[in-house]
């Protein structure tokens, strides 16, 4: 005689996985924010960043962003040459030298800034442009493997808590 018995799994607890993935998104946003902070560590006027984690029918997403114009110019670069117009008094005054505090493709800042005697120019000056630092791409490349790992761990842990572990 053969007897059969149906094995029914426990109810799936999607909430357990959802909460853990949401936590992974918050961790990834925090890590990205820390990486961006390295780029302006030595700045006098530090840009403000926002961190947001959102959940919708499309899924869970996170973002770290700033609307600071100087940060955007440095991150994206500017196409030169372009004119810097003269001031109200008819001339421009600026230091004779400048050492950049940041380097394209790296997430750190160092000492630097303007130095030297003041130069006075009557009229306008042609700015050569700013080479893009690409901080957003460098930070994304660093954070992405962590985001993937934390998300996979969240799914595994959530599935185990739900009674559906592999």
N, C-alpha and C. Protein backbone atom coordinates (compact mmCIF):
# COMPACT_ATOMS: atom_id res chain seq x y z
N UNK A 1 0.83 -1.16 0.00
CA UNK A 1 0.00 0.00 0.00
C UNK A 1 0.89 1.25 0.00
N UNK A 2 0.51 2.24 -0.80
CA UNK A 2 1.24 3.50 -0.90
C UNK A 2 0.36 4.59 -0.33
N UNK A 3 0.92 5.35 0.56
CA UNK A 3 0.14 6.48 1.08
C UNK A 3 0.87 7.78 0.72
N UNK A 4 0.11 8.78 0.47
CA UNK A 4 0.66 10.08 0.08
C UNK A 4 0.12 11.14 1.03
N UNK A 5 0.98 12.07 1.33
CA UNK A 5 0.57 13.16 2.21
C UNK A 5 1.07 14.47 1.59
N UNK A 6 0.21 15.43 1.47
CA UNK A 6 0.58 16.73 0.91
C UNK A 6 1.40 17.51 1.92
N UNK A 7 2.48 18.05 1.45
CA UNK A 7 3.32 18.89 2.31
C UNK A 7 3.06 20.32 1.88
N UNK A 8 2.51 21.09 2.77
CA UNK A 8 2.22 22.49 2.45
C UNK A 8 3.23 23.38 3.18
N UNK A 9 3.85 24.26 2.43
CA UNK A 9 4.81 25.16 3.07
C UNK A 9 4.09 26.19 3.92
N UNK A 10 4.80 26.77 4.87
CA UNK A 10 4.18 27.83 5.66
C UNK A 10 3.86 29.03 4.75
N UNK A 11 2.96 29.89 5.18
CA UNK A 11 2.63 31.05 4.36
C UNK A 11 3.88 31.90 4.11
N UNK A 12 3.97 32.39 2.90
CA UNK A 12 5.11 33.22 2.52
C UNK A 12 4.99 34.58 3.19
N UNK A 13 6.05 35.03 3.82
CA UNK A 13 6.04 36.33 4.51
C UNK A 13 6.86 37.33 3.71
N UNK A 14 6.23 37.93 2.71
CA UNK A 14 6.92 38.89 1.85
C UNK A 14 7.41 40.09 2.65
N UNK A 15 6.70 40.41 3.72
CA UNK A 15 7.08 41.54 4.57
C UNK A 15 8.49 41.38 5.13
N UNK A 16 8.86 40.16 5.48
CA UNK A 16 10.19 39.90 6.05
C UNK A 16 11.28 40.26 5.04
N UNK A 17 11.07 39.89 3.78
CA UNK A 17 12.05 40.20 2.74
C UNK A 17 12.03 41.70 2.43
N UNK A 18 10.84 42.26 2.30
CA UNK A 18 10.69 43.68 1.98
C UNK A 18 11.42 44.55 2.99
N UNK A 19 11.22 44.31 4.28
CA UNK A 19 11.85 45.13 5.32
C UNK A 19 13.36 45.01 5.27
N UNK A 20 13.85 43.82 4.99
CA UNK A 20 15.30 43.63 4.93
C UNK A 20 15.91 44.30 3.69
N UNK A 21 15.21 44.26 2.57
CA UNK A 21 15.71 44.95 1.37
C UNK A 21 15.68 46.46 1.58
N UNK A 22 14.66 46.95 2.24
CA UNK A 22 14.59 48.36 2.58
C UNK A 22 15.78 48.75 3.45
N UNK A 23 16.14 47.91 4.40
CA UNK A 23 17.31 48.15 5.24
C UNK A 23 18.60 48.14 4.43
N UNK A 24 18.69 47.24 3.44
CA UNK A 24 19.87 47.19 2.57
C UNK A 24 19.98 48.48 1.75
N UNK A 25 18.85 49.00 1.29
CA UNK A 25 18.84 50.26 0.53
C UNK A 25 19.33 51.41 1.40
N UNK A 26 18.90 51.45 2.65
CA UNK A 26 19.35 52.51 3.57
C UNK A 26 20.86 52.41 3.80
N UNK A 27 21.37 51.19 3.96
CA UNK A 27 22.81 51.00 4.15
C UNK A 27 23.59 51.47 2.93
N UNK A 28 23.09 51.15 1.73
CA UNK A 28 23.76 51.55 0.50
C UNK A 28 23.77 53.07 0.35
N UNK A 29 22.64 53.72 0.66
CA UNK A 29 22.58 55.18 0.59
C UNK A 29 23.54 55.81 1.59
N UNK A 30 23.62 55.25 2.79
CA UNK A 30 24.56 55.76 3.80
C UNK A 30 26.00 55.62 3.32
N UNK A 31 26.32 54.48 2.72
CA UNK A 31 27.68 54.25 2.22
C UNK A 31 28.01 55.23 1.10
N UNK A 32 27.09 55.43 0.17
CA UNK A 32 27.31 56.38 -0.93
C UNK A 32 27.51 57.79 -0.38
N UNK A 33 26.71 58.17 0.61
CA UNK A 33 26.84 59.49 1.22
C UNK A 33 28.23 59.67 1.84
N UNK A 34 28.73 58.64 2.50
CA UNK A 34 30.08 58.70 3.09
C UNK A 34 31.15 58.82 2.01
N UNK A 35 30.95 58.14 0.89
CA UNK A 35 31.92 58.22 -0.20
C UNK A 35 31.93 59.63 -0.80
N UNK A 36 30.75 60.21 -1.01
CA UNK A 36 30.70 61.58 -1.54
C UNK A 36 31.34 62.57 -0.56
N UNK A 37 31.17 62.35 0.74
CA UNK A 37 31.73 63.25 1.75
C UNK A 37 33.25 63.33 1.65
N UNK A 38 33.89 62.27 1.19
CA UNK A 38 35.34 62.28 1.02
C UNK A 38 35.78 63.32 0.00
N UNK A 39 34.93 63.59 -0.99
CA UNK A 39 35.30 64.49 -2.09
C UNK A 39 35.34 65.95 -1.67
N UNK A 40 34.58 66.32 -0.66
CA UNK A 40 34.54 67.73 -0.23
C UNK A 40 35.04 67.92 1.20
N UNK A 41 35.75 66.95 1.71
CA UNK A 41 36.24 66.98 3.09
C UNK A 41 37.04 68.25 3.41
N UNK A 42 37.86 68.71 2.49
CA UNK A 42 38.72 69.88 2.75
C UNK A 42 38.09 71.20 2.31
N UNK A 43 36.87 71.17 1.81
CA UNK A 43 36.23 72.39 1.34
C UNK A 43 35.79 73.26 2.52
N UNK A 44 35.85 74.55 2.33
CA UNK A 44 35.35 75.48 3.34
C UNK A 44 33.82 75.49 3.33
N UNK A 45 33.24 75.61 2.15
CA UNK A 45 31.79 75.62 2.00
C UNK A 45 31.35 74.25 1.48
N UNK A 46 30.89 73.42 2.39
CA UNK A 46 30.53 72.05 2.05
C UNK A 46 29.12 71.97 1.44
N UNK A 47 28.96 71.21 0.36
CA UNK A 47 27.63 71.07 -0.24
C UNK A 47 26.72 70.20 0.65
N UNK A 48 25.44 70.42 0.51
CA UNK A 48 24.45 69.63 1.24
C UNK A 48 23.95 68.53 0.31
N UNK A 49 23.91 67.31 0.81
CA UNK A 49 23.40 66.17 0.06
C UNK A 49 22.12 65.69 0.70
N UNK A 50 21.24 65.12 -0.11
CA UNK A 50 20.04 64.48 0.41
C UNK A 50 20.17 62.98 0.17
N UNK A 51 19.63 62.22 1.10
CA UNK A 51 19.56 60.76 0.95
C UNK A 51 18.09 60.41 0.99
N UNK A 52 17.66 59.58 0.06
CA UNK A 52 16.26 59.17 0.04
C UNK A 52 16.15 57.71 -0.36
N UNK A 53 15.28 57.00 0.33
CA UNK A 53 14.95 55.62 0.00
C UNK A 53 13.46 55.61 -0.28
N UNK A 54 13.08 55.06 -1.43
CA UNK A 54 11.67 55.07 -1.83
C UNK A 54 11.20 53.66 -2.17
N UNK A 55 9.93 53.43 -1.91
CA UNK A 55 9.32 52.15 -2.22
C UNK A 55 8.05 52.42 -3.01
N UNK A 56 7.91 51.70 -4.12
CA UNK A 56 6.70 51.83 -4.95
C UNK A 56 6.39 50.46 -5.56
N UNK A 57 5.38 50.42 -6.37
CA UNK A 57 5.02 49.16 -7.03
C UNK A 57 6.15 48.68 -7.94
N UNK A 58 6.98 49.62 -8.40
CA UNK A 58 8.10 49.27 -9.28
C UNK A 58 9.27 48.68 -8.51
N UNK A 59 9.30 48.88 -7.20
CA UNK A 59 10.39 48.34 -6.39
C UNK A 59 10.92 49.34 -5.39
N UNK A 60 12.08 49.03 -4.86
CA UNK A 60 12.74 49.88 -3.87
C UNK A 60 13.90 50.57 -4.55
N UNK A 61 14.04 51.87 -4.33
CA UNK A 61 15.14 52.61 -4.93
C UNK A 61 15.72 53.55 -3.88
N UNK A 62 16.94 53.98 -4.14
CA UNK A 62 17.59 54.94 -3.24
C UNK A 62 18.41 55.91 -4.06
N UNK A 63 18.62 57.09 -3.49
CA UNK A 63 19.38 58.12 -4.19
C UNK A 63 20.14 58.96 -3.17
N UNK A 64 21.30 59.42 -3.58
CA UNK A 64 22.08 60.39 -2.83
C UNK A 64 22.40 61.48 -3.85
N UNK A 65 22.03 62.73 -3.57
CA UNK A 65 22.18 63.78 -4.58
C UNK A 65 22.39 65.15 -3.94
N UNK A 66 22.91 66.06 -4.75
CA UNK A 66 23.04 67.45 -4.34
C UNK A 66 22.63 68.36 -5.49
N UNK A 67 22.20 69.57 -5.15
CA UNK A 67 21.92 70.56 -6.19
C UNK A 67 22.95 71.68 -6.11
N UNK A 68 24.05 71.45 -5.39
CA UNK A 68 25.12 72.44 -5.26
C UNK A 68 25.79 72.64 -6.62
N UNK A 69 25.69 73.85 -7.16
CA UNK A 69 26.17 74.12 -8.52
C UNK A 69 27.67 73.89 -8.66
N UNK A 70 28.47 74.28 -7.68
CA UNK A 70 29.92 74.08 -7.77
C UNK A 70 30.24 72.59 -7.80
N UNK A 71 29.58 71.82 -6.94
CA UNK A 71 29.81 70.37 -6.93
C UNK A 71 29.45 69.75 -8.27
N UNK A 72 28.34 70.19 -8.85
CA UNK A 72 27.89 69.67 -10.14
C UNK A 72 28.88 70.02 -11.24
N UNK A 73 29.39 71.28 -11.24
CA UNK A 73 30.38 71.67 -12.23
C UNK A 73 31.63 70.79 -12.13
N UNK A 74 32.08 70.53 -10.90
CA UNK A 74 33.27 69.71 -10.72
C UNK A 74 33.00 68.25 -11.10
N UNK A 75 31.86 67.72 -10.71
CA UNK A 75 31.53 66.33 -11.02
C UNK A 75 31.39 66.11 -12.53
N UNK A 76 30.62 66.97 -13.19
CA UNK A 76 30.32 66.81 -14.61
C UNK A 76 31.34 67.48 -15.53
N UNK A 77 32.08 68.45 -15.00
CA UNK A 77 33.01 69.22 -15.81
C UNK A 77 32.29 70.33 -16.56
N UNK A 78 33.06 71.23 -17.10
CA UNK A 78 32.52 72.32 -17.92
C UNK A 78 33.34 72.39 -19.20
N UNK A 79 32.69 72.74 -20.27
CA UNK A 79 33.38 72.83 -21.55
C UNK A 79 33.98 74.22 -21.70
N UNK A 80 35.25 74.28 -21.90
CA UNK A 80 35.91 75.57 -22.07
C UNK A 80 36.41 75.70 -23.49
N UNK A 81 36.98 76.78 -23.83
CA UNK A 81 37.08 77.98 -23.00
C UNK A 81 35.77 78.77 -23.03
N UNK A 82 35.52 79.45 -21.90
CA UNK A 82 34.36 80.32 -21.83
C UNK A 82 34.75 81.59 -21.08
N UNK A 83 34.09 82.70 -21.41
CA UNK A 83 34.49 83.98 -20.81
C UNK A 83 34.00 84.13 -19.37
N UNK A 84 34.85 84.71 -18.55
CA UNK A 84 34.45 85.15 -17.21
C UNK A 84 34.38 86.67 -17.32
N UNK A 85 33.18 87.23 -17.23
CA UNK A 85 33.04 88.67 -17.46
C UNK A 85 33.69 89.50 -16.36
N UNK A 86 34.02 90.74 -16.72
CA UNK A 86 34.62 91.66 -15.75
C UNK A 86 33.60 92.01 -14.69
N UNK A 87 34.10 92.43 -13.53
CA UNK A 87 33.24 92.82 -12.43
C UNK A 87 32.63 94.19 -12.64
N UNK A 88 31.84 94.65 -11.68
CA UNK A 88 31.17 95.96 -11.78
C UNK A 88 32.17 97.10 -11.93
N UNK A 89 33.32 96.93 -11.28
CA UNK A 89 34.32 98.00 -11.33
C UNK A 89 35.11 98.00 -12.63
N UNK A 90 34.86 97.02 -13.49
CA UNK A 90 35.54 96.98 -14.78
C UNK A 90 36.76 96.09 -14.80
N UNK A 91 37.05 95.45 -13.67
CA UNK A 91 38.22 94.57 -13.68
C UNK A 91 37.98 93.32 -12.83
N UNK A 92 38.84 92.35 -13.02
CA UNK A 92 38.82 91.11 -12.23
C UNK A 92 40.07 91.07 -11.38
N UNK A 93 39.92 90.50 -10.18
CA UNK A 93 41.08 90.30 -9.30
C UNK A 93 41.03 88.87 -8.80
N UNK A 94 42.12 88.14 -8.95
CA UNK A 94 42.17 86.76 -8.49
C UNK A 94 43.62 86.38 -8.18
N UNK A 95 43.81 85.34 -7.35
CA UNK A 95 45.17 84.91 -7.02
C UNK A 95 45.89 84.39 -8.27
N UNK A 96 47.21 84.48 -8.26
CA UNK A 96 47.98 84.11 -9.44
C UNK A 96 48.10 82.60 -9.64
N UNK A 97 47.86 81.81 -8.58
CA UNK A 97 47.99 80.36 -8.73
C UNK A 97 46.85 79.62 -8.08
N UNK A 98 46.70 78.36 -8.47
CA UNK A 98 45.66 77.52 -7.89
C UNK A 98 46.07 76.06 -8.00
N UNK A 99 45.94 75.32 -6.90
CA UNK A 99 46.18 73.88 -6.91
C UNK A 99 44.86 73.21 -6.57
N UNK A 100 44.38 72.35 -7.46
CA UNK A 100 43.09 71.67 -7.26
C UNK A 100 43.15 70.79 -6.01
N UNK A 101 42.05 70.78 -5.26
CA UNK A 101 41.95 69.92 -4.07
C UNK A 101 41.47 68.52 -4.42
N UNK A 102 40.96 68.36 -5.63
CA UNK A 102 40.41 67.07 -6.04
C UNK A 102 41.02 66.63 -7.36
N UNK A 103 40.93 65.33 -7.62
CA UNK A 103 41.50 64.74 -8.83
C UNK A 103 40.41 63.94 -9.54
N UNK A 104 40.34 64.05 -10.87
CA UNK A 104 39.34 63.25 -11.59
C UNK A 104 39.50 61.75 -11.31
N UNK A 105 38.37 61.08 -11.10
CA UNK A 105 38.36 59.64 -10.91
C UNK A 105 38.72 59.14 -9.53
N UNK A 106 38.85 60.05 -8.55
CA UNK A 106 39.16 59.63 -7.18
C UNK A 106 38.15 60.23 -6.20
N UNK A 107 37.94 59.53 -5.10
CA UNK A 107 36.98 60.00 -4.09
C UNK A 107 37.70 60.52 -2.85
N UNK A 108 38.54 61.47 -3.02
CA UNK A 108 39.17 62.11 -1.87
C UNK A 108 39.52 63.53 -2.24
N UNK A 109 39.74 64.34 -1.24
CA UNK A 109 40.22 65.69 -1.49
C UNK A 109 41.46 65.89 -0.63
N UNK A 110 42.28 66.82 -1.05
CA UNK A 110 43.54 67.07 -0.38
C UNK A 110 43.70 68.56 -0.19
N UNK A 111 44.79 68.96 0.40
CA UNK A 111 45.02 70.39 0.58
C UNK A 111 45.25 71.03 -0.79
N UNK A 112 44.95 72.26 -0.88
CA UNK A 112 45.11 72.98 -2.14
C UNK A 112 44.36 74.28 -2.07
N UNK A 113 44.06 74.84 -3.19
CA UNK A 113 43.34 76.10 -3.26
C UNK A 113 44.20 77.17 -3.91
N UNK A 114 43.77 78.40 -3.77
CA UNK A 114 44.47 79.50 -4.41
C UNK A 114 45.71 79.91 -3.62
N UNK A 115 46.69 80.48 -4.33
CA UNK A 115 47.91 80.97 -3.70
C UNK A 115 48.51 82.04 -4.60
N UNK A 116 49.48 82.71 -4.08
CA UNK A 116 50.21 83.71 -4.87
C UNK A 116 49.63 85.10 -4.75
N UNK A 117 50.31 86.03 -5.41
CA UNK A 117 49.90 87.43 -5.37
C UNK A 117 48.63 87.63 -6.19
N UNK A 118 47.94 88.71 -5.92
CA UNK A 118 46.69 89.02 -6.61
C UNK A 118 46.98 89.62 -7.98
N UNK A 119 46.29 89.09 -8.98
CA UNK A 119 46.42 89.57 -10.35
C UNK A 119 45.17 90.40 -10.66
N UNK A 120 45.38 91.58 -11.25
CA UNK A 120 44.26 92.44 -11.65
C UNK A 120 44.22 92.49 -13.17
N UNK A 121 43.05 92.18 -13.72
CA UNK A 121 42.86 92.17 -15.17
C UNK A 121 41.68 93.09 -15.48
N UNK A 122 41.86 93.95 -16.47
CA UNK A 122 40.75 94.78 -16.92
C UNK A 122 40.14 94.10 -18.14
N UNK A 123 38.85 93.88 -18.09
CA UNK A 123 38.19 93.17 -19.17
C UNK A 123 37.80 91.78 -18.69
N UNK A 124 37.66 90.86 -19.62
CA UNK A 124 37.26 89.51 -19.26
C UNK A 124 38.41 88.54 -19.46
N UNK A 125 38.27 87.38 -18.83
CA UNK A 125 39.27 86.32 -18.91
C UNK A 125 38.59 85.09 -19.51
N UNK A 126 39.34 84.32 -20.27
CA UNK A 126 38.81 83.07 -20.83
C UNK A 126 39.19 81.93 -19.89
N UNK A 127 38.18 81.27 -19.34
CA UNK A 127 38.42 80.13 -18.44
C UNK A 127 38.60 78.88 -19.29
N UNK A 128 39.60 78.04 -19.00
CA UNK A 128 39.84 76.86 -19.84
C UNK A 128 38.81 75.74 -19.66
N UNK A 129 37.96 75.82 -18.66
CA UNK A 129 36.99 74.76 -18.40
C UNK A 129 37.46 73.90 -17.24
N UNK A 130 36.58 73.04 -16.78
CA UNK A 130 36.88 72.16 -15.64
C UNK A 130 36.81 70.73 -16.11
N UNK A 131 37.86 69.98 -15.83
CA UNK A 131 37.86 68.55 -16.18
C UNK A 131 36.93 67.82 -15.22
N UNK A 132 36.04 66.99 -15.77
CA UNK A 132 35.05 66.26 -14.97
C UNK A 132 35.75 65.34 -13.97
N UNK A 133 35.31 65.40 -12.72
CA UNK A 133 35.85 64.52 -11.69
C UNK A 133 35.18 63.14 -11.72
N UNK A 134 33.93 63.08 -12.14
CA UNK A 134 33.21 61.81 -12.27
C UNK A 134 32.97 61.10 -10.95
N UNK A 135 32.78 61.87 -9.89
CA UNK A 135 32.59 61.26 -8.56
C UNK A 135 31.38 60.35 -8.51
N UNK A 136 30.30 60.73 -9.21
CA UNK A 136 29.10 59.90 -9.17
C UNK A 136 29.37 58.50 -9.72
N UNK A 137 30.13 58.42 -10.78
CA UNK A 137 30.45 57.11 -11.38
C UNK A 137 31.39 56.30 -10.48
N UNK A 138 32.38 56.97 -9.88
CA UNK A 138 33.32 56.28 -9.00
C UNK A 138 32.60 55.76 -7.75
N UNK A 139 31.72 56.59 -7.17
CA UNK A 139 30.96 56.17 -5.98
C UNK A 139 30.03 55.01 -6.33
N UNK A 140 29.37 55.09 -7.48
CA UNK A 140 28.46 54.01 -7.89
C UNK A 140 29.22 52.70 -8.07
N UNK A 141 30.40 52.78 -8.66
CA UNK A 141 31.21 51.57 -8.88
C UNK A 141 31.63 50.95 -7.55
N UNK A 142 31.90 51.80 -6.56
CA UNK A 142 32.29 51.30 -5.24
C UNK A 142 31.10 50.72 -4.47
N UNK A 143 29.97 51.39 -4.51
CA UNK A 143 28.81 51.01 -3.70
C UNK A 143 28.04 49.82 -4.32
N UNK A 144 28.02 49.71 -5.63
CA UNK A 144 27.21 48.68 -6.30
C UNK A 144 27.42 47.26 -5.78
N UNK A 145 28.67 46.77 -5.64
CA UNK A 145 28.82 45.40 -5.13
C UNK A 145 28.28 45.23 -3.71
N UNK A 146 28.41 46.26 -2.89
CA UNK A 146 27.86 46.20 -1.53
C UNK A 146 26.34 46.15 -1.57
N UNK A 147 25.74 46.97 -2.41
CA UNK A 147 24.28 47.01 -2.58
C UNK A 147 23.77 45.65 -3.02
N UNK A 148 24.45 45.03 -3.97
CA UNK A 148 24.05 43.70 -4.46
C UNK A 148 24.18 42.67 -3.33
N UNK A 149 25.31 42.69 -2.63
CA UNK A 149 25.52 41.73 -1.54
C UNK A 149 24.47 41.89 -0.45
N UNK A 150 24.24 43.13 -0.02
CA UNK A 150 23.27 43.37 1.05
C UNK A 150 21.86 42.98 0.61
N UNK A 151 21.52 43.21 -0.66
CA UNK A 151 20.20 42.83 -1.16
C UNK A 151 20.05 41.31 -1.20
N UNK A 152 21.08 40.62 -1.70
CA UNK A 152 21.04 39.15 -1.73
C UNK A 152 20.93 38.58 -0.32
N UNK A 153 21.71 39.14 0.62
CA UNK A 153 21.64 38.69 2.02
C UNK A 153 20.24 38.93 2.59
N UNK A 154 19.64 40.07 2.25
CA UNK A 154 18.29 40.40 2.73
C UNK A 154 17.28 39.39 2.22
N UNK A 155 17.40 39.01 0.97
CA UNK A 155 16.47 38.05 0.38
C UNK A 155 16.64 36.68 1.05
N UNK A 156 17.88 36.25 1.22
CA UNK A 156 18.14 34.94 1.86
C UNK A 156 17.62 34.92 3.29
N UNK A 157 17.95 35.96 4.05
CA UNK A 157 17.51 36.01 5.45
C UNK A 157 16.00 36.09 5.54
N UNK A 158 15.40 36.93 4.70
CA UNK A 158 13.94 37.07 4.70
C UNK A 158 13.25 35.77 4.32
N UNK A 159 13.81 35.06 3.33
CA UNK A 159 13.23 33.77 2.90
C UNK A 159 13.35 32.74 4.04
N UNK A 160 14.50 32.76 4.72
CA UNK A 160 14.68 31.82 5.85
C UNK A 160 13.68 32.12 6.96
N UNK A 161 13.50 33.39 7.26
CA UNK A 161 12.54 33.79 8.29
C UNK A 161 11.11 33.43 7.88
N UNK A 162 10.87 33.41 6.58
CA UNK A 162 9.54 33.09 6.07
C UNK A 162 9.31 31.58 5.97
N UNK A 163 10.39 30.80 6.18
CA UNK A 163 10.25 29.35 6.09
C UNK A 163 10.42 28.84 4.67
N UNK A 164 11.02 29.64 3.80
CA UNK A 164 11.19 29.27 2.40
C UNK A 164 12.64 29.33 1.98
N UNK A 165 13.53 29.05 2.88
CA UNK A 165 14.96 29.07 2.53
C UNK A 165 15.32 27.91 1.64
N UNK A 166 16.27 28.16 0.77
CA UNK A 166 16.71 27.08 -0.15
C UNK A 166 17.71 26.18 0.51
